[in-house]
C-alpha cells in the first residue's frame, strides 16, 4: 500500500492526476485506514478542482491523524476556495504551527 500511495503522491505532484487518482484508490483499497493515502487523494482532488471530494479526503485523513500538516493545509485551501475563510485561516494556522514551511511545500507542488 505504501508503494501505491507513494506513486499516487509523485503522480499528483507532476500533474498525472488521473493515474494518481487510480493509485490512491488502490492504496486505500489495500489499507482503508491509511491517512497518507487520503491526504494524497485530497491533493489530487484539489488539483482536479473536485472540492467536495478533496474536503472529504482531507477530513478522513485528519480523523485518522489529526496533526497531519499537509491535510490541514490542503483542507485550508479547499475551505478558502469554498468561501469559508474562517475555517481556511484556522487550518492554515494549525498546519503552520506543526510544519512552518508547509506553504512553501505546497507552492512547490504547484499550489500557491
C-alpha atoms as a PDB file:
ATOM      1  CA  UNK A   1       0.000   0.000   0.000  1.00  0.00           C
ATOM      2  CA  UNK A   2       2.850   2.404   0.728  1.00  0.00           C
ATOM      3  CA  UNK A   3       4.103   1.909  -2.808  1.00  0.00           C
ATOM      4  CA  UNK A   4       0.707   2.735  -4.310  1.00  0.00           C
ATOM      5  CA  UNK A   5       0.424   5.810  -2.127  1.00  0.00           C
ATOM      6  CA  UNK A   6       3.974   6.912  -2.979  1.00  0.00           C
ATOM      7  CA  UNK A   7       3.268   6.602  -6.667  1.00  0.00           C
ATOM      8  CA  UNK A   8      -0.006   8.474  -6.212  1.00  0.00           C
ATOM      9  CA  UNK A   9       1.831  11.327  -4.478  1.00  0.00           C
ATOM     10  CA  UNK A  10       4.534  11.567  -7.154  1.00  0.00           C
ATOM     11  CA  UNK A  11       1.985  11.490  -9.966  1.00  0.00           C
ATOM     12  CA  UNK A  12      -0.072  14.166  -8.211  1.00  0.00           C
ATOM     13  CA  UNK A  13       2.976  16.410  -7.905  1.00  0.00           C
ATOM     14  CA  UNK A  14       3.916  16.073 -11.590  1.00  0.00           C
ATOM     15  CA  UNK A  15       0.328  16.528 -12.749  1.00  0.00           C
ATOM     16  CA  UNK A  16      -0.550  12.986 -13.897  1.00  0.00           C
ATOM     17  CA  UNK A  17      -3.780  13.327 -11.964  1.00  0.00           C
ATOM     18  CA  UNK A  18      -5.970  10.579 -13.401  1.00  0.00           C
ATOM     19  CA  UNK A  19      -3.258   7.961 -12.890  1.00  0.00           C
ATOM     20  CA  UNK A  20      -2.589   9.397  -9.428  1.00  0.00           C
ATOM     21  CA  UNK A  21      -6.241   9.010  -8.500  1.00  0.00           C
ATOM     22  CA  UNK A  22      -6.202   5.332  -9.523  1.00  0.00           C
ATOM     23  CA  UNK A  23      -3.067   4.747  -7.428  1.00  0.00           C
ATOM     24  CA  UNK A  24      -4.603   6.433  -4.378  1.00  0.00           C
ATOM     25  CA  UNK A  25      -7.744   4.357  -4.757  1.00  0.00           C
ATOM     26  CA  UNK A  26      -5.621   1.198  -4.944  1.00  0.00           C
ATOM     27  CA  UNK A  27      -3.728   2.179  -1.786  1.00  0.00           C
ATOM     28  CA  UNK A  28      -6.997   2.766   0.055  1.00  0.00           C
ATOM     29  CA  UNK A  29      -8.454  -0.477  -1.199  1.00  0.00           C
ATOM     30  CA  UNK A  30      -5.476  -2.326   0.317  1.00  0.00           C
ATOM     31  CA  UNK A  31      -5.482  -0.292   3.541  1.00  0.00           C
ATOM     32  CA  UNK A  32      -8.703   1.652   4.122  1.00  0.00           C
ATOM     33  CA  UNK A  33      -7.336   3.484   7.173  1.00  0.00           C
ATOM     34  CA  UNK A  34      -4.167   4.924   5.638  1.00  0.00           C
ATOM     35  CA  UNK A  35      -4.199   8.632   6.445  1.00  0.00           C
ATOM     36  CA  UNK A  36      -1.396   9.312   3.958  1.00  0.00           C
ATOM     37  CA  UNK A  37      -3.454   7.873   1.100  1.00  0.00           C
ATOM     38  CA  UNK A  38      -6.431  10.082   1.963  1.00  0.00           C
ATOM     39  CA  UNK A  39      -4.009  13.016   2.127  1.00  0.00           C
ATOM     40  CA  UNK A  40      -2.574  12.163  -1.295  1.00  0.00           C
ATOM     41  CA  UNK A  41      -6.014  11.716  -2.834  1.00  0.00           C
ATOM     42  CA  UNK A  42      -7.050  15.018  -1.281  1.00  0.00           C
ATOM     43  CA  UNK A  43      -4.200  16.698  -3.158  1.00  0.00           C
ATOM     44  CA  UNK A  44      -5.257  15.023  -6.405  1.00  0.00           C
ATOM     45  CA  UNK A  45      -8.867  16.104  -5.941  1.00  0.00           C
ATOM     46  CA  UNK A  46      -7.756  19.617  -5.014  1.00  0.00           C
ATOM     47  CA  UNK A  47      -5.723  19.846  -8.216  1.00  0.00           C
ATOM     48  CA  UNK A  48      -8.705  18.491 -10.176  1.00  0.00           C
ATOM     49  CA  UNK A  49     -10.892  21.195  -8.533  1.00  0.00           C
ATOM     50  CA  UNK A  50     -13.123  18.472  -7.076  1.00  0.00           C
ATOM     51  CA  UNK A  51     -13.524  20.451  -3.878  1.00  0.00           C
ATOM     52  CA  UNK A  52     -16.163  18.316  -2.150  1.00  0.00           C
ATOM     53  CA  UNK A  53     -14.096  15.171  -2.745  1.00  0.00           C
ATOM     54  CA  UNK A  54     -10.898  16.900  -1.605  1.00  0.00           C
ATOM     55  CA  UNK A  55     -12.603  18.111   1.569  1.00  0.00           C
ATOM     56  CA  UNK A  56     -13.900  14.596   2.314  1.00  0.00           C
ATOM     57  CA  UNK A  57     -10.433  13.108   1.766  1.00  0.00           C
ATOM     58  CA  UNK A  58      -8.701  15.662   3.966  1.00  0.00           C
ATOM     59  CA  UNK A  59     -11.319  15.180   6.690  1.00  0.00           C
ATOM     60  CA  UNK A  60     -10.801  11.409   6.516  1.00  0.00           C
ATOM     61  CA  UNK A  61      -7.029  11.822   6.794  1.00  0.00           C
ATOM     62  CA  UNK A  62      -7.414  14.137   9.778  1.00  0.00           C
ATOM     63  CA  UNK A  63      -9.805  11.778  11.564  1.00  0.00           C
ATOM     64  CA  UNK A  64      -7.025   9.183  11.390  1.00  0.00           C
ATOM     65  CA  UNK A  65      -4.099  11.535  12.012  1.00  0.00           C
ATOM     66  CA  UNK A  66      -5.270  14.888  13.445  1.00  0.00           C
ATOM     67  CA  UNK A  67      -1.858  16.587  13.247  1.00  0.00           C
ATOM     68  CA  UNK A  68      -1.145  15.815   9.581  1.00  0.00           C
ATOM     69  CA  UNK A  69       0.061  19.240   8.456  1.00  0.00           C
ATOM     70  CA  UNK A  70      -0.398  18.607   4.735  1.00  0.00           C
ATOM     71  CA  UNK A  71      -4.039  17.632   5.259  1.00  0.00           C
ATOM     72  CA  UNK A  72      -4.664  20.650   7.463  1.00  0.00           C
ATOM     73  CA  UNK A  73      -3.114  22.957   4.874  1.00  0.00           C
ATOM     74  CA  UNK A  74      -4.902  21.251   1.972  1.00  0.00           C
ATOM     75  CA  UNK A  75      -8.213  21.472   3.799  1.00  0.00           C
ATOM     76  CA  UNK A  76      -7.470  25.138   4.423  1.00  0.00           C
ATOM     77  CA  UNK A  77      -7.041  25.682   0.691  1.00  0.00           C
ATOM     78  CA  UNK A  78     -10.294  23.863  -0.018  1.00  0.00           C
ATOM     79  CA  UNK A  79     -12.125  25.906   2.605  1.00  0.00           C
ATOM     80  CA  UNK A  80     -10.818  29.157   1.115  1.00  0.00           C
ATOM     81  CA  UNK A  81     -11.897  28.056  -2.380  1.00  0.00           C
ATOM     82  CA  UNK A  82     -15.325  27.193  -0.945  1.00  0.00           C
ATOM     83  CA  UNK A  83     -15.579  30.692   0.575  1.00  0.00           C
ATOM     84  CA  UNK A  84     -15.172  29.508   4.148  1.00  0.00           C
ATOM     85  CA  UNK A  85     -12.443  31.981   5.053  1.00  0.00           C
ATOM     86  CA  UNK A  86     -12.509  31.458   8.815  1.00  0.00           C
ATOM     87  CA  UNK A  87     -12.130  27.678   8.594  1.00  0.00           C
ATOM     88  CA  UNK A  88      -9.401  28.077   5.983  1.00  0.00           C
ATOM     89  CA  UNK A  89      -7.446  30.511   8.150  1.00  0.00           C
ATOM     90  CA  UNK A  90      -7.767  28.200  11.170  1.00  0.00           C
ATOM     91  CA  UNK A  91      -6.471  25.245   9.154  1.00  0.00           C
ATOM     92  CA  UNK A  92      -3.558  27.299   7.792  1.00  0.00           C
ATOM     93  CA  UNK A  93      -2.624  28.379  11.320  1.00  0.00           C
ATOM     94  CA  UNK A  94      -2.786  24.817  12.644  1.00  0.00           C
ATOM     95  CA  UNK A  95      -0.750  23.448   9.725  1.00  0.00           C
ATOM     96  CA  UNK A  96       1.897  26.158  10.019  1.00  0.00           C
ATOM     97  CA  UNK A  97       2.218  25.566  13.762  1.00  0.00           C
ATOM     98  CA  UNK A  98       3.067  21.926  13.023  1.00  0.00           C
ATOM     99  CA  UNK A  99       5.131  22.492   9.868  1.00  0.00           C
ATOM    100  CA  UNK A 100       6.300  26.116   9.417  1.00  0.00           C
ATOM    101  CA  UNK A 101       7.327  25.569   5.770  1.00  0.00           C
ATOM    102  CA  UNK A 102       4.057  23.944   4.672  1.00  0.00           C
ATOM    103  CA  UNK A 103       3.024  26.843   2.397  1.00  0.00           C
ATOM    104  CA  UNK A 104       6.372  26.666   0.580  1.00  0.00           C
ATOM    105  CA  UNK A 105       5.950  22.912   0.153  1.00  0.00           C
ATOM    106  CA  UNK A 106       2.523  23.339  -1.428  1.00  0.00           C
ATOM    107  CA  UNK A 107       3.906  26.067  -3.699  1.00  0.00           C
ATOM    108  CA  UNK A 108       6.460  23.523  -4.934  1.00  0.00           C
ATOM    109  CA  UNK A 109       3.554  21.203  -5.736  1.00  0.00           C
ATOM    110  CA  UNK A 110       2.113  23.892  -7.977  1.00  0.00           C
ATOM    111  CA  UNK A 111      -0.478  25.061  -5.468  1.00  0.00           C
ATOM    112  CA  UNK A 112       0.001  28.623  -4.242  1.00  0.00           C
END
